C-alpha atoms as a PDB file:
ATOM      1  CA  MET A   1     100.240-175.126 -42.361  1.00  0.00           C
ATOM      2  CA  LEU A   2     103.857-175.497 -41.271  1.00  0.00           C
ATOM      3  CA  MET A   3     105.150-179.114 -41.528  1.00  0.00           C
ATOM      4  CA  PHE A   4     108.393-180.888 -41.097  1.00  0.00           C
ATOM      5  CA  ASN A   5     109.124-184.041 -43.352  1.00  0.00           C
ATOM      6  CA  ILE A   6     112.078-186.217 -43.796  1.00  0.00           C
ATOM      7  CA  SER A   7     111.711-188.928 -46.515  1.00  0.00           C
ATOM      8  CA  GLN A   8     114.174-191.911 -46.993  1.00  0.00           C
ATOM      9  CA  HIS A   9     114.203-195.245 -49.007  1.00  0.00           C
ATOM     10  CA  SER A  10     111.917-197.884 -47.462  1.00  0.00           C
ATOM     11  CA  ARG A  11     115.021-199.765 -46.270  1.00  0.00           C
ATOM     12  CA  ASP A  12     115.437-197.020 -43.668  1.00  0.00           C
ATOM     13  CA  ALA A  13     112.096-197.176 -42.031  1.00  0.00           C
ATOM     14  CA  GLU A  14     113.478-198.234 -38.522  1.00  0.00           C
ATOM     15  CA  LEU A  15     115.820-195.023 -38.962  1.00  0.00           C
ATOM     16  CA  LEU A  16     112.784-192.890 -39.486  1.00  0.00           C
ATOM     17  CA  GLN A  17     110.802-194.650 -36.574  1.00  0.00           C
ATOM     18  CA  ASN A  18     113.776-194.272 -34.287  1.00  0.00           C
ATOM     19  CA  ILE A  19     113.793-190.416 -35.123  1.00  0.00           C
ATOM     20  CA  CYS A  20     109.958-190.160 -34.367  1.00  0.00           C
ATOM     21  CA  ASN A  21     110.795-192.091 -30.777  1.00  0.00           C
ATOM     22  CA  TYR A  22     113.862-190.027 -30.050  1.00  0.00           C
ATOM     23  CA  LEU A  23     112.139-186.624 -30.727  1.00  0.00           C
ATOM     24  CA  GLU A  24     108.618-188.080 -29.268  1.00  0.00           C
ATOM     25  CA  CYS A  25     106.699-186.506 -31.885  1.00  0.00           C
ATOM     26  CA  GLY A  26     105.630-187.031 -35.498  1.00  0.00           C
ATOM     27  CA  LYS A  27     104.256-190.256 -37.492  1.00  0.00           C
ATOM     28  CA  TYR A  28     106.067-192.602 -40.007  1.00  0.00           C
ATOM     29  CA  TYR A  29     104.237-193.017 -43.201  1.00  0.00           C
ATOM     30  CA  PRO A  30     105.326-195.724 -45.788  1.00  0.00           C
ATOM     31  CA  SER A  31     104.471-194.753 -49.232  1.00  0.00           C
ATOM     32  CA  SER A  32     102.295-197.220 -51.132  1.00  0.00           C
ATOM     33  CA  LYS A  33     103.391-196.066 -54.449  1.00  0.00           C
ATOM     34  CA  ARG A  34     107.250-195.959 -54.062  1.00  0.00           C
ATOM     35  CA  LYS A  35     110.004-197.630 -51.813  1.00  0.00           C
ATOM     36  CA  GLU A  36     110.203-194.771 -49.462  1.00  0.00           C
ATOM     37  CA  GLY A  37     108.598-193.714 -46.189  1.00  0.00           C
ATOM     38  CA  THR A  38     108.129-190.117 -44.780  1.00  0.00           C
ATOM     39  CA  LEU A  39     108.543-188.996 -41.100  1.00  0.00           C
ATOM     40  CA  THR A  40     105.939-185.830 -40.674  1.00  0.00           C
ATOM     41  CA  VAL A  41     105.359-183.647 -37.827  1.00  0.00           C
ATOM     42  CA  THR A  42     102.564-181.150 -38.103  1.00  0.00           C
ATOM     43  CA  LYS A  43     101.814-180.073 -34.623  1.00  0.00           C
ATOM     44  CA  PHE A  44     103.275-176.611 -34.291  1.00  0.00           C
ATOM     45  CA  SER A  45     104.277-176.955 -30.590  1.00  0.00           C
ATOM     46  CA  ASP A  46     106.390-180.111 -31.559  1.00  0.00           C
ATOM     47  CA  ILE A  47     107.935-178.337 -34.608  1.00  0.00           C
ATOM     48  CA  ASP A  48     108.686-175.201 -32.314  1.00  0.00           C
ATOM     49  CA  LEU A  49     110.123-177.061 -29.202  1.00  0.00           C
ATOM     50  CA  LYS A  50     111.472-180.276 -30.561  1.00  0.00           C
ATOM     51  CA  ILE A  51     112.476-179.815 -34.116  1.00  0.00           C
ATOM     52  CA  ILE A  52     113.688-176.281 -34.051  1.00  0.00           C
ATOM     53  CA  SER A  53     115.702-176.800 -30.810  1.00  0.00           C
ATOM     54  CA  PHE A  54     117.264-179.970 -32.071  1.00  0.00           C
ATOM     55  CA  PHE A  55     118.428-178.050 -35.416  1.00  0.00           C
ATOM     56  CA  LYS A  56     119.630-175.173 -33.366  1.00  0.00           C
ATOM     57  CA  ASP A  57     121.551-177.585 -31.105  1.00  0.00           C
ATOM     58  CA  TYR A  58     122.792-179.673 -33.978  1.00  0.00           C
ATOM     59  CA  PRO A  59     122.917-177.503 -37.324  1.00  0.00           C
ATOM     60  CA  TRP A  60     123.568-178.859 -40.567  1.00  0.00           C
ATOM     61  CA  GLY A  61     125.856-177.530 -43.125  1.00  0.00           C
ATOM     62  CA  PRO A  62     124.470-176.265 -46.556  1.00  0.00           C
ATOM     63  CA  PRO A  63     124.089-176.688 -49.621  1.00  0.00           C
ATOM     64  CA  PHE A  64     121.058-178.630 -49.113  1.00  0.00           C
ATOM     65  CA  HIS A  65     120.318-181.364 -51.737  1.00  0.00           C
ATOM     66  CA  GLY A  66     118.673-179.700 -54.689  1.00  0.00           C
ATOM     67  CA  TRP A  67     119.406-175.999 -53.642  1.00  0.00           C
ATOM     68  CA  GLY A  68     122.404-175.807 -55.886  1.00  0.00           C
ATOM     69  CA  GLN A  69     125.000-173.469 -53.983  1.00  0.00           C
ATOM     70  CA  GLU A  70     122.855-171.371 -51.831  1.00  0.00           C
ATOM     71  CA  LYS A  71     124.264-171.036 -48.542  1.00  0.00           C
ATOM     72  CA  LEU A  72     121.447-170.936 -46.110  1.00  0.00           C
ATOM     73  CA  SER A  73     122.229-172.038 -42.379  1.00  0.00           C
ATOM     74  CA  SER A  74     119.802-174.079 -40.696  1.00  0.00           C
ATOM     75  CA  THR A  75     118.965-171.566 -38.085  1.00  0.00           C
ATOM     76  CA  ARG A  76     118.058-168.990 -41.231  1.00  0.00           C
ATOM     77  CA  TYR A  77     116.062-171.738 -42.830  1.00  0.00           C
ATOM     78  CA  ILE A  78     114.002-172.182 -39.747  1.00  0.00           C
ATOM     79  CA  SER A  79     113.565-168.242 -39.292  1.00  0.00           C
ATOM     80  CA  LEU A  80     112.357-168.153 -42.899  1.00  0.00           C
ATOM     81  CA  ALA A  81     109.814-171.088 -42.257  1.00  0.00           C
ATOM     82  CA  LEU A  82     108.514-169.359 -39.147  1.00  0.00           C
ATOM     83  CA  ARG A  83     107.880-166.129 -41.043  1.00  0.00           C
ATOM     84  CA  ARG A  84     105.408-167.915 -43.435  1.00  0.00           C
ATOM     85  CA  ILE A  85     102.990-168.782 -40.746  1.00  0.00           C
END
């Protein structure tokens, strides 16, 4: 299953909920064990038509947090994710 997640500190819950509202997809889940929350999108059509379209219009610049010095563009990352389906 392809899934899109964004996790942030619980103080940013409103930000994640606003992202859900802006993209009109996904759901915000607060953690019961940690001071964080996660926006999760699992519906393939939402990932394909909303999330991927958003990152094609507004690409981020690598390196990604925790990926060291790898240089993957957001479009390349999306392509790799879709190949795993």
